[in-house]
């Protein structure tokens, strides 16, 4: 693949993807969201186009894709749905997209986006060929081992985390003493962790599971530096992630950060 389009959300993962793709001699053309995508992405990709959600125009975007000769695209990075909802009020193109979707869950919206791209001959791909090295297998990935209490909380919470992921509510829960403290919704993983700290002031376990039928074209579940740093701030010492289905972004740096802060990362 000589070139690929990258719809870039928030966080470090768009940059990580771009670096991996370019290392495989693929030209990366990024389409970034103002107020959400990191500006530093422009230093990594071959070309970047910035969009204001409030002024987004589908016809203009399609013409840009054609001009850039984009045939394959990936969607990478966190998308703040609250920002999208609040900044696109009155935008007829975006409102039309939401109305055409079955509902306003992530998968329904992304399915409609994918359908529209397919209509003009553009494929949404999962990008797995670029990122396989970042997916851990089962086992403890850090120097610190989980305590018996943390393992009990992980075993208690795994199926609950999978169930909320299955219902497309979120992918993360926090647990302490076999009690669910917080459940992720629209706020994202890191804020879910911060809410748990507000309730119990630390010593809780984070569990993040993939959806049972995770579609890697639309949604790349990951844990990276930001999450580990948030855990350190909130005095959480263990996180369980789903093996074979979740990316460890900036793997070496993330593991170093976890070890520095006495945090366990276990893939289950």
Protein backbone atom coordinates (compact mmCIF):
# COMPACT_ATOMS: atom_id res chain seq x y z
CA UNK A 1 0.00 0.00 0.00
CA UNK A 2 1.74 3.18 -1.17
CA UNK A 3 -0.58 5.75 0.51
CA UNK A 4 -3.28 5.80 3.14
CA UNK A 5 -5.71 8.34 4.54
CA UNK A 6 -5.74 8.81 8.31
CA UNK A 7 -8.78 10.28 10.08
CA UNK A 8 -7.09 11.35 13.28
CA UNK A 9 -8.79 11.75 16.64
CA UNK A 10 -7.25 12.81 19.95
CA UNK A 11 -4.33 11.34 21.86
CA UNK A 12 -0.99 9.91 20.79
CA UNK A 13 -2.27 6.97 18.77
CA UNK A 14 -2.65 8.79 15.41
CA UNK A 15 1.05 9.72 15.63
CA UNK A 16 1.99 6.16 16.61
CA UNK A 17 0.03 4.78 13.67
CA UNK A 18 1.60 7.30 11.28
CA UNK A 19 5.13 6.37 12.41
CA UNK A 20 4.42 2.65 11.97
CA UNK A 21 2.88 3.19 8.52
CA UNK A 22 5.74 5.37 7.33
CA UNK A 23 8.24 2.79 8.57
CA UNK A 24 6.57 0.42 6.11
CA UNK A 25 7.04 2.94 3.26
CA UNK A 26 3.42 4.09 3.20
CA UNK A 27 2.61 7.73 2.57
CA UNK A 28 0.20 9.07 5.21
CA UNK A 29 -2.30 11.83 4.42
CA UNK A 30 -4.00 12.95 7.65
CA UNK A 31 -7.42 14.52 8.13
CA UNK A 32 -7.42 16.16 11.55
CA UNK A 33 -10.08 17.69 13.78
CA UNK A 34 -9.46 21.15 15.17
CA UNK A 35 -9.60 21.25 18.94
CA UNK A 36 -9.14 17.50 19.17
CA UNK A 37 -6.20 16.18 17.11
CA UNK A 38 -2.71 16.89 18.44
CA UNK A 39 -0.97 19.57 16.39
CA UNK A 40 2.27 17.59 16.60
CA UNK A 41 0.81 15.06 14.15
CA UNK A 42 1.65 17.52 11.35
CA UNK A 43 5.37 16.89 12.00
CA UNK A 44 5.01 13.15 11.33
CA UNK A 45 2.59 12.69 8.44
CA UNK A 46 3.35 13.53 4.82
CA UNK A 47 0.42 15.94 4.59
CA UNK A 48 -2.34 17.12 6.90
CA UNK A 49 -5.73 18.77 6.37
CA UNK A 50 -7.52 20.39 9.33
CA UNK A 51 -11.29 20.46 9.74
CA UNK A 52 -13.53 22.51 11.99
CA UNK A 53 -16.43 20.23 13.09
CA UNK A 54 -18.81 23.20 13.15
CA UNK A 55 -18.12 23.95 9.48
CA UNK A 56 -17.68 20.41 8.19
CA UNK A 57 -18.93 19.96 4.61
CA UNK A 58 -19.26 16.45 3.22
CA UNK A 59 -19.06 17.45 -0.45
CA UNK A 60 -15.85 19.43 0.11
CA UNK A 61 -14.37 16.56 2.11
CA UNK A 62 -15.15 14.05 -0.65
CA UNK A 63 -13.54 16.29 -3.26
CA UNK A 64 -10.42 16.50 -1.08
CA UNK A 65 -10.25 12.72 -0.80
CA UNK A 66 -10.49 12.41 -4.58
CA UNK A 67 -7.83 15.08 -5.08
CA UNK A 68 -5.51 13.28 -2.68
CA UNK A 69 -6.18 9.94 -4.46
CA UNK A 70 -7.24 8.23 -1.24
CA UNK A 71 -8.56 4.69 -1.71
CA UNK A 72 -7.94 3.28 1.76
CA UNK A 73 -8.48 4.99 5.12
CA UNK A 74 -8.07 4.25 8.79
CA UNK A 75 -9.75 5.95 11.76
CA UNK A 76 -7.43 6.23 14.74
CA UNK A 77 -7.58 8.12 18.02
CA UNK A 78 -10.19 9.05 20.59
CA UNK A 79 -13.15 11.08 19.36
CA UNK A 80 -14.81 13.29 21.94
CA UNK A 81 -18.50 12.78 21.14
CA UNK A 82 -19.46 15.56 23.52
CA UNK A 83 -17.32 18.01 21.51
CA UNK A 84 -18.80 16.76 18.24
CA UNK A 85 -22.37 17.04 19.52
CA UNK A 86 -21.85 20.52 20.96
CA UNK A 87 -19.87 22.00 18.08
CA UNK A 88 -21.95 20.66 15.18
CA UNK A 89 -25.39 21.89 16.18
CA UNK A 90 -26.97 23.39 13.10
CA UNK A 91 -24.54 21.70 10.71
CA UNK A 92 -26.91 20.02 8.24
CA UNK A 93 -24.30 17.58 6.91
CA UNK A 94 -23.46 16.24 10.37
CA UNK A 95 -27.11 16.19 11.45
CA UNK A 96 -27.92 14.21 8.30
CA UNK A 97 -25.23 11.70 9.22
CA UNK A 98 -26.70 11.21 12.70
CA UNK A 99 -30.25 10.93 11.33
CA UNK A 100 -29.15 8.26 8.84
CA UNK A 101 -27.55 6.19 11.61
CA UNK A 102 -29.60 3.57 13.44
CA UNK A 103 -28.84 5.40 16.69
CA UNK A 104 -26.08 7.57 18.18
CA UNK A 105 -23.86 4.79 19.51
CA UNK A 106 -20.28 4.75 18.23
CA UNK A 107 -20.74 1.69 16.03
CA UNK A 108 -23.94 2.92 14.42
CA UNK A 109 -22.40 6.29 13.50
CA UNK A 110 -19.20 4.69 12.23
CA UNK A 111 -21.15 2.12 10.24
CA UNK A 112 -22.95 4.96 8.47
CA UNK A 113 -19.65 6.77 7.84
CA UNK A 114 -18.19 3.56 6.39
CA UNK A 115 -21.25 3.03 4.18
CA UNK A 116 -20.90 6.51 2.74
CA UNK A 117 -17.19 6.07 2.10
CA UNK A 118 -17.85 2.75 0.35
CA UNK A 119 -20.34 4.47 -1.94
CA UNK A 120 -17.55 6.62 -3.37
CA UNK A 121 -15.04 3.79 -3.64
CA UNK A 122 -13.06 4.37 -0.43
CA UNK A 123 -12.39 1.46 1.91
CA UNK A 124 -12.15 1.80 5.68
CA UNK A 125 -9.49 -0.70 6.75
CA UNK A 126 -8.41 -1.82 10.22
CA UNK A 127 -4.71 -1.02 9.87
CA UNK A 128 -3.71 -4.21 11.70
CA UNK A 129 -0.79 -4.85 9.36
CA UNK A 130 0.84 -1.70 10.69
CA UNK A 131 0.25 -2.34 14.39
CA UNK A 132 0.55 -6.06 15.15
CA UNK A 133 3.67 -5.61 17.27
CA UNK A 134 1.71 -3.46 19.74
CA UNK A 135 -0.86 -6.14 20.69
CA UNK A 136 0.23 -8.10 23.79
CA UNK A 137 -0.50 -11.74 24.47
CA UNK A 138 -1.65 -13.07 27.83
CA UNK A 139 0.42 -12.46 30.93
CA UNK A 140 1.82 -9.83 33.26
CA UNK A 141 3.67 -7.25 31.17
CA UNK A 142 5.30 -5.27 33.97
CA UNK A 143 7.78 -5.90 36.78
CA UNK A 144 5.11 -5.64 39.45
CA UNK A 145 2.79 -8.63 39.85
CA UNK A 146 -0.88 -8.10 40.78
CA UNK A 147 -1.73 -8.68 44.43
CA UNK A 148 -4.19 -11.44 45.34
CA UNK A 149 -6.80 -8.74 46.08
CA UNK A 150 -6.25 -7.14 42.66
CA UNK A 151 -6.55 -10.50 40.91
CA UNK A 152 -9.79 -11.15 42.76
CA UNK A 153 -11.12 -7.79 41.56
CA UNK A 154 -10.01 -8.54 37.99
CA UNK A 155 -11.73 -11.93 38.01
CA UNK A 156 -14.82 -10.31 39.51
CA UNK A 157 -14.96 -7.50 36.94
CA UNK A 158 -13.89 -9.01 33.61
CA UNK A 159 -17.33 -10.19 32.53
CA UNK A 160 -18.93 -6.92 33.66
CA UNK A 161 -16.46 -4.93 31.58
CA UNK A 162 -17.11 -7.19 28.60
CA UNK A 163 -20.86 -6.75 29.03
CA UNK A 164 -20.76 -2.93 28.98
CA UNK A 165 -18.48 -3.16 25.95
CA UNK A 166 -20.98 -5.50 24.30
CA UNK A 167 -23.76 -2.98 24.94
CA UNK A 168 -21.59 -0.18 23.43
CA UNK A 169 -21.69 1.83 26.66
CA UNK A 170 -17.94 1.93 27.27
CA UNK A 171 -15.00 -0.43 27.66
CA UNK A 172 -13.65 0.38 31.11
CA UNK A 173 -14.75 -0.20 34.67
CA UNK A 174 -12.98 0.34 37.98
CA UNK A 175 -13.31 -2.14 40.86
CA UNK A 176 -12.37 -2.21 44.54
CA UNK A 177 -13.06 -5.02 46.98
CA UNK A 178 -15.28 -6.74 44.40
CA UNK A 179 -17.47 -3.67 43.99
CA UNK A 180 -17.78 -1.68 40.76
CA UNK A 181 -16.80 1.93 41.47
CA UNK A 182 -17.21 3.57 38.04
CA UNK A 183 -18.35 2.60 34.55
CA UNK A 184 -17.11 4.34 31.42
CA UNK A 185 -19.64 6.18 29.27
CA UNK A 186 -19.02 9.19 27.03
CA UNK A 187 -16.18 10.61 29.16
CA UNK A 188 -13.50 8.06 28.18
CA UNK A 189 -11.11 5.82 30.12
CA UNK A 190 -8.98 8.44 31.87
CA UNK A 191 -11.93 10.39 33.25
CA UNK A 192 -13.51 7.13 34.40
CA UNK A 193 -10.36 6.54 36.43
CA UNK A 194 -10.48 10.09 37.84
CA UNK A 195 -14.09 9.60 38.93
CA UNK A 196 -13.09 6.43 40.77
CA UNK A 197 -10.48 8.40 42.69
CA UNK A 198 -13.15 10.92 43.69
CA UNK A 199 -15.05 8.07 45.33
CA UNK A 200 -12.36 5.88 46.92
CA UNK A 201 -9.12 7.91 46.85
CA UNK A 202 -6.98 5.17 45.32
CA UNK A 203 -6.15 1.46 45.54
CA UNK A 204 -8.68 0.43 42.91
CA UNK A 205 -8.24 -1.77 39.84
CA UNK A 206 -8.92 -0.72 36.25
CA UNK A 207 -10.34 -3.24 33.76
CA UNK A 208 -10.58 -2.46 30.06
CA UNK A 209 -12.06 -4.99 27.65
CA UNK A 210 -12.65 -4.97 23.91
CA UNK A 211 -16.10 -5.34 22.43
CA UNK A 212 -16.97 -9.01 21.78
CA UNK A 213 -17.11 -8.26 18.05
CA UNK A 214 -14.56 -5.45 18.00
CA UNK A 215 -14.39 -3.95 14.52
CA UNK A 216 -10.79 -2.78 14.19
CA UNK A 217 -11.66 -0.60 11.20
CA UNK A 218 -13.47 1.85 13.44
CA UNK A 219 -12.29 1.36 16.94
CA UNK A 220 -8.79 0.55 18.12
CA UNK A 221 -8.94 -0.05 21.88
CA UNK A 222 -5.71 0.89 23.56
CA UNK A 223 -3.88 1.71 26.74
CA UNK A 224 -0.95 4.09 26.66
CA UNK A 225 1.09 6.65 28.56
CA UNK A 226 -1.83 8.96 29.32
CA UNK A 227 -3.81 6.21 31.03
CA UNK A 228 -0.83 5.00 33.07
CA UNK A 229 -0.06 8.56 34.17
CA UNK A 230 -3.70 9.08 35.14
CA UNK A 231 -3.59 5.88 37.18
CA UNK A 232 -0.44 7.08 38.95
CA UNK A 233 -2.11 10.40 39.80
CA UNK A 234 -5.15 8.55 41.14
CA UNK A 235 -3.12 5.96 43.08
CA UNK A 236 -4.42 2.98 41.14
CA UNK A 237 -1.84 0.18 40.92
CA UNK A 238 -3.25 -2.36 38.45
CA UNK A 239 -4.95 -2.50 35.08
CA UNK A 240 -6.20 -5.56 33.19
CA UNK A 241 -6.55 -5.36 29.41
CA UNK A 242 -7.80 -7.90 26.90
CA UNK A 243 -5.04 -9.93 25.28
CA UNK A 244 -4.97 -10.19 21.50
CA UNK A 245 -7.50 -7.37 21.06
CA UNK A 246 -5.99 -4.29 22.65
CA UNK A 247 -3.02 -2.15 21.68
CA UNK A 248 -0.33 -1.03 24.07
CA UNK A 249 0.56 2.34 22.59
CA UNK A 250 4.24 3.35 22.77
CA UNK A 251 4.83 -0.04 24.32
CA UNK A 252 8.33 0.45 25.77
CA UNK A 253 7.60 3.91 27.21
CA UNK A 254 4.26 2.77 28.62
CA UNK A 255 5.81 -0.22 30.38
CA UNK A 256 8.65 1.96 31.71
CA UNK A 257 6.12 4.45 33.07
CA UNK A 258 4.14 1.66 34.70
CA UNK A 259 7.25 0.18 36.32
CA UNK A 260 8.37 3.60 37.54
CA UNK A 261 5.02 4.09 39.29
CA UNK A 262 4.63 0.54 40.62
CA UNK A 263 1.68 -0.21 38.32
CA UNK A 264 0.79 -3.69 37.05
CA UNK A 265 -0.38 -4.16 33.47
CA UNK A 266 -1.81 -7.63 32.89
CA UNK A 267 -3.27 -8.95 29.65
CA UNK A 268 -6.02 -11.49 30.33
